[in-house]
């Protein structure tokens, strides 16, 4: 099963196995990864699942949709290159080992 590495604001790392087709927000909340809130449940209406994707994986992700792009303008932490909403990153075998830094703060 593919895995994701969540990097916490303090530099600690949490690793989780994620089933193909599951988004990284649900995987984080399902594995009790602190820092990803996901208040809206993954429907892009809260921006509390903001992560910064490791640059080596950015090209493997689908482009940011217009809605996600708008929501990234409302994140509590400043937007950075590589900022994405983890609810919009769907795991697949090509993303095995993806590292995402959890934005701080989320709220």
N, C-alpha and C. Protein backbone atom coordinates (compact mmCIF):
# COMPACT_ATOMS: atom_id res chain seq x y z
N UNK A 1 0.85 -1.18 0.00
CA UNK A 1 0.00 0.00 0.00
C UNK A 1 0.90 1.24 0.00
N UNK A 2 0.57 2.25 -0.81
CA UNK A 2 1.38 3.47 -0.85
C UNK A 2 1.39 4.16 0.52
N UNK A 3 2.44 4.94 0.74
CA UNK A 3 2.55 5.63 2.02
C UNK A 3 2.75 7.13 1.79
N UNK A 4 2.37 7.89 2.79
CA UNK A 4 2.55 9.34 2.78
C UNK A 4 3.31 9.71 4.05
N UNK A 5 4.16 10.72 3.93
CA UNK A 5 4.89 11.24 5.08
C UNK A 5 4.34 12.63 5.36
N UNK A 6 3.76 12.79 6.55
CA UNK A 6 3.27 14.09 7.00
C UNK A 6 4.35 14.71 7.86
N UNK A 7 4.78 15.90 7.52
CA UNK A 7 5.80 16.61 8.29
C UNK A 7 5.10 17.69 9.11
N UNK A 8 5.20 17.56 10.41
CA UNK A 8 4.54 18.49 11.33
C UNK A 8 5.32 19.80 11.39
N UNK A 9 4.67 20.88 11.81
CA UNK A 9 5.35 22.18 11.89
C UNK A 9 6.63 22.15 12.74
N UNK A 10 6.70 21.26 13.72
CA UNK A 10 7.90 21.17 14.57
C UNK A 10 8.98 20.28 13.96
N UNK A 11 8.73 19.76 12.74
CA UNK A 11 9.71 18.93 12.05
C UNK A 11 9.52 17.43 12.25
N UNK A 12 8.70 17.04 13.22
CA UNK A 12 8.44 15.61 13.41
C UNK A 12 7.73 15.06 12.17
N UNK A 13 7.91 13.76 11.96
CA UNK A 13 7.29 13.11 10.81
C UNK A 13 6.37 11.99 11.28
N UNK A 14 5.25 11.89 10.59
CA UNK A 14 4.32 10.78 10.79
C UNK A 14 4.12 10.13 9.44
N UNK A 15 4.17 8.81 9.41
CA UNK A 15 4.01 8.09 8.16
C UNK A 15 2.74 7.26 8.24
N UNK A 16 2.02 7.18 7.14
CA UNK A 16 0.78 6.40 7.11
C UNK A 16 0.64 5.70 5.77
N UNK A 17 0.12 4.50 5.81
CA UNK A 17 -0.25 3.81 4.58
C UNK A 17 -1.63 4.30 4.17
N UNK A 18 -1.77 4.55 2.87
CA UNK A 18 -3.01 5.13 2.36
C UNK A 18 -3.47 4.31 1.16
N UNK A 19 -4.70 3.89 1.19
CA UNK A 19 -5.27 3.11 0.10
C UNK A 19 -5.37 3.95 -1.17
N UNK A 20 -5.15 3.31 -2.31
CA UNK A 20 -5.37 3.98 -3.59
C UNK A 20 -6.78 4.55 -3.61
N UNK A 21 -6.91 5.78 -4.05
CA UNK A 21 -8.22 6.41 -4.17
C UNK A 21 -8.64 7.22 -2.96
N UNK A 22 -7.91 7.10 -1.84
CA UNK A 22 -8.26 7.88 -0.65
C UNK A 22 -7.48 9.19 -0.68
N UNK A 23 -8.13 10.27 -0.23
CA UNK A 23 -7.41 11.54 -0.23
C UNK A 23 -6.57 11.67 1.05
N UNK A 24 -5.58 12.54 1.00
CA UNK A 24 -4.63 12.66 2.10
C UNK A 24 -5.24 13.28 3.35
N UNK A 25 -6.30 14.06 3.22
CA UNK A 25 -6.98 14.61 4.39
C UNK A 25 -7.66 13.50 5.17
N UNK A 26 -8.41 12.65 4.49
CA UNK A 26 -9.09 11.53 5.17
C UNK A 26 -8.07 10.56 5.77
N UNK A 27 -6.99 10.35 5.06
CA UNK A 27 -5.94 9.46 5.58
C UNK A 27 -5.36 10.04 6.86
N UNK A 28 -5.11 11.34 6.89
CA UNK A 28 -4.55 11.98 8.08
C UNK A 28 -5.50 11.89 9.27
N UNK A 29 -6.75 12.21 9.06
CA UNK A 29 -7.70 12.15 10.17
C UNK A 29 -7.94 10.71 10.61
N UNK A 30 -7.92 9.78 9.67
CA UNK A 30 -8.10 8.37 10.01
C UNK A 30 -6.93 7.76 10.76
N UNK A 31 -5.75 8.36 10.62
CA UNK A 31 -4.56 7.88 11.32
C UNK A 31 -4.20 8.79 12.51
N UNK A 32 -5.13 9.65 12.90
CA UNK A 32 -4.93 10.57 14.04
C UNK A 32 -3.69 11.44 13.87
N UNK A 33 -3.44 11.89 12.65
CA UNK A 33 -2.34 12.81 12.39
C UNK A 33 -2.80 14.20 12.83
N UNK A 34 -2.10 14.77 13.79
CA UNK A 34 -2.48 16.09 14.29
C UNK A 34 -2.10 17.17 13.31
N UNK A 35 -2.91 18.22 13.26
CA UNK A 35 -2.60 19.39 12.45
C UNK A 35 -3.47 19.54 11.22
N UNK A 36 -4.01 18.46 10.71
CA UNK A 36 -4.93 18.54 9.58
C UNK A 36 -6.33 18.41 10.15
N UNK A 37 -7.07 19.51 10.06
CA UNK A 37 -8.38 19.57 10.70
C UNK A 37 -9.47 18.98 9.81
N UNK A 38 -9.58 19.48 8.60
CA UNK A 38 -10.59 18.96 7.67
C UNK A 38 -12.01 19.19 8.16
N UNK A 39 -12.29 20.40 8.65
CA UNK A 39 -13.61 20.72 9.19
C UNK A 39 -14.75 20.42 8.24
N UNK A 40 -14.56 20.63 6.94
CA UNK A 40 -15.67 20.48 5.99
C UNK A 40 -15.82 19.04 5.50
N UNK A 41 -14.93 18.17 5.90
CA UNK A 41 -15.02 16.78 5.48
C UNK A 41 -14.49 16.52 4.08
N UNK A 42 -13.84 17.51 3.50
CA UNK A 42 -13.23 17.30 2.18
C UNK A 42 -13.98 17.85 1.01
N UNK A 43 -14.85 18.83 1.24
CA UNK A 43 -15.62 19.39 0.13
C UNK A 43 -15.14 20.80 -0.27
N UNK A 44 -13.92 21.14 0.11
CA UNK A 44 -13.27 22.40 -0.25
C UNK A 44 -14.05 23.64 0.19
N UNK A 45 -14.54 23.63 1.42
CA UNK A 45 -15.24 24.82 1.89
C UNK A 45 -14.63 25.39 3.17
N UNK A 46 -13.46 24.86 3.61
CA UNK A 46 -12.90 25.36 4.86
C UNK A 46 -11.41 25.66 4.80
N UNK A 47 -10.66 25.01 3.94
CA UNK A 47 -9.21 25.20 3.79
C UNK A 47 -8.43 24.86 5.06
N UNK A 48 -8.95 23.94 5.88
CA UNK A 48 -8.24 23.54 7.11
C UNK A 48 -7.47 22.23 6.93
N UNK A 49 -7.16 21.92 5.69
CA UNK A 49 -6.33 20.74 5.39
C UNK A 49 -5.16 21.15 4.50
N UNK A 50 -4.72 22.37 4.69
CA UNK A 50 -3.64 22.97 3.89
C UNK A 50 -2.32 22.26 4.16
N UNK A 51 -1.68 21.82 3.09
CA UNK A 51 -0.35 21.22 3.18
C UNK A 51 0.53 21.83 2.09
N UNK A 52 1.84 21.69 2.27
CA UNK A 52 2.79 22.11 1.27
C UNK A 52 3.47 20.85 0.76
N UNK A 53 3.30 20.56 -0.51
CA UNK A 53 3.77 19.32 -1.12
C UNK A 53 5.26 19.45 -1.46
N UNK A 54 6.00 18.39 -1.16
CA UNK A 54 7.41 18.32 -1.52
C UNK A 54 7.53 18.56 -3.03
N UNK A 55 8.42 19.45 -3.46
CA UNK A 55 8.52 19.80 -4.88
C UNK A 55 8.67 18.61 -5.83
N UNK A 56 9.32 17.53 -5.41
CA UNK A 56 9.53 16.41 -6.33
C UNK A 56 8.23 15.71 -6.69
N UNK A 57 7.15 15.96 -5.95
CA UNK A 57 5.88 15.30 -6.24
C UNK A 57 4.87 16.22 -6.93
N UNK A 58 5.16 17.50 -7.01
CA UNK A 58 4.19 18.44 -7.55
C UNK A 58 3.75 18.11 -8.96
N UNK A 59 4.67 17.71 -9.81
CA UNK A 59 4.32 17.43 -11.21
C UNK A 59 3.48 16.16 -11.36
N UNK A 60 3.46 15.33 -10.33
CA UNK A 60 2.67 14.10 -10.39
C UNK A 60 1.22 14.32 -9.97
N UNK A 61 0.94 15.51 -9.47
CA UNK A 61 -0.43 15.82 -9.03
C UNK A 61 -1.20 16.48 -10.16
N UNK A 62 -2.52 16.29 -10.17
CA UNK A 62 -3.32 17.02 -11.16
C UNK A 62 -3.24 18.52 -10.87
N UNK A 63 -3.49 19.34 -11.86
CA UNK A 63 -3.44 20.79 -11.64
C UNK A 63 -4.45 21.22 -10.57
N UNK A 64 -4.16 22.34 -9.94
CA UNK A 64 -5.08 22.92 -8.97
C UNK A 64 -6.33 23.38 -9.70
N UNK A 65 -7.49 22.99 -9.20
CA UNK A 65 -8.74 23.43 -9.81
C UNK A 65 -9.00 24.89 -9.44
N UNK A 66 -9.92 25.52 -10.14
CA UNK A 66 -10.27 26.92 -9.83
C UNK A 66 -10.78 27.05 -8.40
N UNK A 67 -11.60 26.09 -7.96
CA UNK A 67 -12.15 26.14 -6.61
C UNK A 67 -11.05 25.99 -5.57
N UNK A 68 -10.16 25.01 -5.77
CA UNK A 68 -9.05 24.83 -4.83
C UNK A 68 -8.17 26.07 -4.82
N UNK A 69 -7.90 26.63 -5.96
CA UNK A 69 -7.09 27.84 -6.05
C UNK A 69 -7.70 28.97 -5.23
N UNK A 70 -9.01 29.14 -5.32
CA UNK A 70 -9.69 30.18 -4.53
C UNK A 70 -9.58 29.88 -3.04
N UNK A 71 -9.78 28.63 -2.65
CA UNK A 71 -9.73 28.29 -1.22
C UNK A 71 -8.32 28.47 -0.66
N UNK A 72 -7.31 28.23 -1.46
CA UNK A 72 -5.94 28.43 -0.99
C UNK A 72 -5.65 29.89 -0.67
N UNK A 73 -6.45 30.80 -1.20
CA UNK A 73 -6.31 32.22 -0.85
C UNK A 73 -6.86 32.53 0.54
N UNK A 74 -7.59 31.57 1.14
CA UNK A 74 -8.22 31.79 2.44
C UNK A 74 -7.62 30.94 3.55
N UNK A 75 -6.48 30.35 3.31
CA UNK A 75 -5.85 29.53 4.35
C UNK A 75 -5.33 30.42 5.47
N UNK A 76 -5.29 29.86 6.70
CA UNK A 76 -4.79 30.62 7.84
C UNK A 76 -3.29 30.86 7.73
N UNK A 77 -2.55 29.86 7.25
CA UNK A 77 -1.11 30.01 7.03
C UNK A 77 -0.90 30.60 5.63
N UNK A 78 0.12 31.39 5.46
CA UNK A 78 0.36 31.97 4.14
C UNK A 78 0.53 30.89 3.07
N UNK A 79 0.01 31.19 1.91
CA UNK A 79 0.15 30.30 0.76
C UNK A 79 1.61 30.28 0.32
N UNK A 80 2.09 29.10 -0.07
CA UNK A 80 3.47 28.93 -0.51
C UNK A 80 3.47 28.18 -1.84
N UNK A 81 4.60 28.21 -2.55
CA UNK A 81 4.71 27.32 -3.71
C UNK A 81 4.52 25.89 -3.20
N UNK A 82 3.71 25.13 -3.85
CA UNK A 82 3.44 23.76 -3.41
C UNK A 82 2.25 23.65 -2.48
N UNK A 83 1.61 24.76 -2.13
CA UNK A 83 0.42 24.69 -1.28
C UNK A 83 -0.70 23.97 -2.00
N UNK A 84 -1.31 23.06 -1.30
CA UNK A 84 -2.48 22.32 -1.81
C UNK A 84 -3.40 22.02 -0.65
N UNK A 85 -4.64 21.69 -0.96
CA UNK A 85 -5.56 21.17 0.05
C UNK A 85 -5.44 19.66 0.02
N UNK A 86 -5.16 19.07 1.17
CA UNK A 86 -4.91 17.62 1.19
C UNK A 86 -6.16 16.82 0.82
N UNK A 87 -7.33 17.42 0.91
CA UNK A 87 -8.55 16.72 0.49
C UNK A 87 -8.60 16.55 -1.02
N UNK A 88 -7.76 17.28 -1.74
CA UNK A 88 -7.75 17.21 -3.20
C UNK A 88 -6.59 16.38 -3.75
N UNK A 89 -5.80 15.80 -2.86
CA UNK A 89 -4.70 14.93 -3.29
C UNK A 89 -5.13 13.50 -3.07
N UNK A 90 -5.39 12.80 -4.15
CA UNK A 90 -5.87 11.43 -4.09
C UNK A 90 -4.69 10.48 -4.29
N UNK A 91 -4.52 9.58 -3.33
CA UNK A 91 -3.38 8.67 -3.34
C UNK A 91 -3.47 7.68 -4.50
N UNK A 92 -2.29 7.42 -5.08
CA UNK A 92 -2.14 6.36 -6.07
C UNK A 92 -0.70 5.86 -5.97
N UNK A 93 -0.41 4.78 -6.64
CA UNK A 93 0.91 4.15 -6.52
C UNK A 93 2.04 5.09 -6.91
N UNK A 94 1.81 5.98 -7.85
CA UNK A 94 2.86 6.92 -8.28
C UNK A 94 3.24 7.91 -7.19
N UNK A 95 2.35 8.10 -6.22
CA UNK A 95 2.62 9.04 -5.14
C UNK A 95 3.23 8.37 -3.91
N UNK A 96 3.56 7.09 -4.02
CA UNK A 96 4.14 6.38 -2.88
C UNK A 96 5.36 7.14 -2.35
N UNK A 97 5.34 7.46 -1.06
CA UNK A 97 6.44 8.19 -0.42
C UNK A 97 6.29 9.69 -0.46
N UNK A 98 5.15 10.20 -0.95
CA UNK A 98 4.95 11.65 -1.01
C UNK A 98 5.10 12.25 0.39
N UNK A 99 5.77 13.38 0.45
CA UNK A 99 5.94 14.11 1.70
C UNK A 99 5.18 15.42 1.60
N UNK A 100 4.37 15.69 2.62
CA UNK A 100 3.63 16.95 2.69
C UNK A 100 3.88 17.57 4.06
N UNK A 101 4.17 18.88 4.05
CA UNK A 101 4.36 19.60 5.30
C UNK A 101 3.01 20.21 5.70
N UNK A 102 2.62 19.97 6.93
CA UNK A 102 1.34 20.47 7.42
C UNK A 102 1.50 21.96 7.71
N UNK A 103 0.66 22.78 7.07
CA UNK A 103 0.71 24.22 7.28
C UNK A 103 0.29 24.57 8.70
N UNK A 104 0.91 25.58 9.25
CA UNK A 104 0.60 26.02 10.61
C UNK A 104 0.48 27.53 10.61
N UNK A 105 -0.65 28.04 11.08
CA UNK A 105 -1.80 27.33 11.66
C UNK A 105 -2.81 26.93 10.59
N UNK A 106 -3.74 26.07 10.99
CA UNK A 106 -4.84 25.68 10.09
C UNK A 106 -6.08 26.56 10.34
N UNK A 107 -6.24 27.04 11.55
CA UNK A 107 -7.42 27.84 11.90
C UNK A 107 -7.01 29.25 12.26
